Amino acid sequence: MVDKMISVEVAYALPHKQKIVSLTVPEGTTALGAVTLSRIADHFPELDPGSSAMGIFGKSVPKPDERVLGAGERVEIYRALIADPKEVRKQRAAKAKAAKSEEDEGKD
């Protein structure tokens, strides 16, 4: 019996380098399995697929080793965040408030 094959993609990006690998995998392949089969880590030595966060079309997948892929899906490997986006927004808002306060004091 021949396994049914499906086409999927695996994507990873750095600020200066991106790669999308299109591949055909057996039906029932998991997100992590597709990443392994894609050999995308060969292009990014710092990438550890086993401990990387993953998603499919921008939606996080909490257990990539269990999530079975469908035909045409794209697995995205996410980098760790350098800074918490909420904290960055909070700091930016505080800076803008301080600048406005200084500007208002200068009008007196």
Protein backbone atom coordinates (compact mmCIF):
# COMPACT_ATOMS: atom_id res chain seq x y z
CA MET A 1 0.00 0.00 0.00
CA VAL A 2 1.36 3.42 -0.98
CA ASP A 3 1.05 6.27 1.52
CA LYS A 4 -0.84 9.27 0.24
CA MET A 5 1.51 12.25 -0.09
CA ILE A 6 0.68 15.93 0.56
CA SER A 7 2.52 19.14 -0.28
CA VAL A 8 3.45 21.49 2.57
CA GLU A 9 5.89 24.32 3.22
CA VAL A 10 8.26 25.09 6.06
CA ALA A 11 9.37 28.70 6.65
CA TYR A 12 11.95 30.39 8.86
CA ALA A 13 13.20 33.96 8.75
CA LEU A 14 15.91 36.09 10.26
CA PRO A 15 16.09 39.85 9.67
CA HIS A 16 18.69 39.32 6.92
CA LYS A 17 17.84 35.83 5.61
CA GLN A 18 14.62 33.93 4.91
CA LYS A 19 13.92 30.46 3.59
CA ILE A 20 10.77 28.62 2.56
CA VAL A 21 11.12 24.94 1.75
CA SER A 22 8.36 23.26 -0.26
CA LEU A 23 8.20 19.52 0.21
CA THR A 24 5.99 16.49 -0.19
CA VAL A 25 5.42 14.47 2.96
CA PRO A 26 3.36 11.40 3.84
CA GLU A 27 -0.18 12.15 4.99
CA GLY A 28 -0.18 12.16 8.81
CA THR A 29 3.12 14.04 9.11
CA THR A 30 3.25 16.41 12.08
CA ALA A 31 4.45 20.02 12.00
CA LEU A 32 7.69 19.04 13.73
CA GLY A 33 8.08 16.07 11.39
CA ALA A 34 7.80 18.35 8.36
CA VAL A 35 10.39 20.72 9.81
CA THR A 36 12.76 17.81 10.33
CA LEU A 37 12.14 16.41 6.83
CA SER A 38 12.65 19.87 5.27
CA ARG A 39 16.21 20.03 6.65
CA ILE A 40 15.73 23.78 7.04
CA ALA A 41 18.04 23.70 10.07
CA ASP A 42 20.90 22.92 7.66
CA HIS A 43 20.56 26.53 6.44
CA PHE A 44 20.36 28.02 9.96
CA PRO A 45 22.91 26.41 12.32
CA GLU A 46 21.50 28.30 15.33
CA LEU A 47 18.02 26.82 14.79
CA ASP A 48 16.88 24.07 17.15
CA PRO A 49 13.57 22.82 15.75
CA GLY A 50 12.87 20.68 18.81
CA SER A 51 12.71 23.70 21.11
CA SER A 52 11.40 26.34 18.68
CA ALA A 53 7.88 27.74 18.77
CA MET A 54 5.90 26.98 15.61
CA GLY A 55 2.71 28.01 13.94
CA ILE A 56 0.67 27.39 10.83
CA PHE A 57 -0.20 30.45 8.75
CA GLY A 58 0.43 32.76 11.73
CA LYS A 59 -1.55 30.75 14.29
CA SER A 60 0.54 29.29 17.10
CA VAL A 61 0.71 25.52 17.44
CA PRO A 62 1.29 24.57 21.09
CA LYS A 63 2.33 20.95 20.34
CA PRO A 64 4.03 20.81 16.92
CA ASP A 65 5.01 17.18 17.55
CA GLU A 66 1.29 16.28 17.69
CA ARG A 67 -0.27 18.65 15.15
CA VAL A 68 -0.91 16.70 11.93
CA LEU A 69 -0.60 18.77 8.77
CA GLY A 70 -3.11 19.12 5.98
CA ALA A 71 -2.28 19.57 2.31
CA GLY A 72 -1.04 23.05 1.45
CA GLU A 73 -0.30 24.17 5.00
CA ARG A 74 2.81 26.19 5.84
CA VAL A 75 4.68 25.54 9.07
CA GLU A 76 6.37 28.69 10.40
CA ILE A 77 9.22 28.44 12.88
CA TYR A 78 9.28 31.41 15.25
CA ARG A 79 12.30 33.08 16.81
CA ALA A 80 12.31 33.97 20.49
CA LEU A 81 11.24 37.54 21.21
CA ILE A 82 14.02 39.92 22.16
CA ALA A 83 11.64 42.15 24.13
CA ASP A 84 8.10 41.82 25.41
CA PRO A 85 5.88 43.80 22.97
CA LYS A 86 3.59 44.98 25.79
CA GLU A 87 6.54 46.33 27.75
CA VAL A 88 7.93 48.10 24.67
CA ARG A 89 4.54 49.78 24.03
CA LYS A 90 4.32 50.82 27.69
CA GLN A 91 7.81 52.39 27.53
CA ARG A 92 6.98 54.17 24.26
CA ALA A 93 3.75 55.58 25.77
CA ALA A 94 5.60 56.80 28.88
CA LYS A 95 8.24 58.47 26.69
CA ALA A 96 5.56 60.19 24.57
CA LYS A 97 3.74 61.36 27.71
CA ALA A 98 6.98 62.78 29.13
CA ALA A 99 7.75 64.55 25.86
CA LYS A 100 4.22 66.05 25.72
CA SER A 101 4.55 67.15 29.35
CA GLU A 102 7.85 68.92 28.55
CA GLU A 103 6.27 70.51 25.49
CA ASP A 104 3.30 71.77 27.53
CA GLU A 105 5.67 73.26 30.16
CA GLY A 106 7.54 75.11 27.42
CA LYS A 107 4.36 76.91 26.32
CA ASP A 108 4.02 78.77 29.63
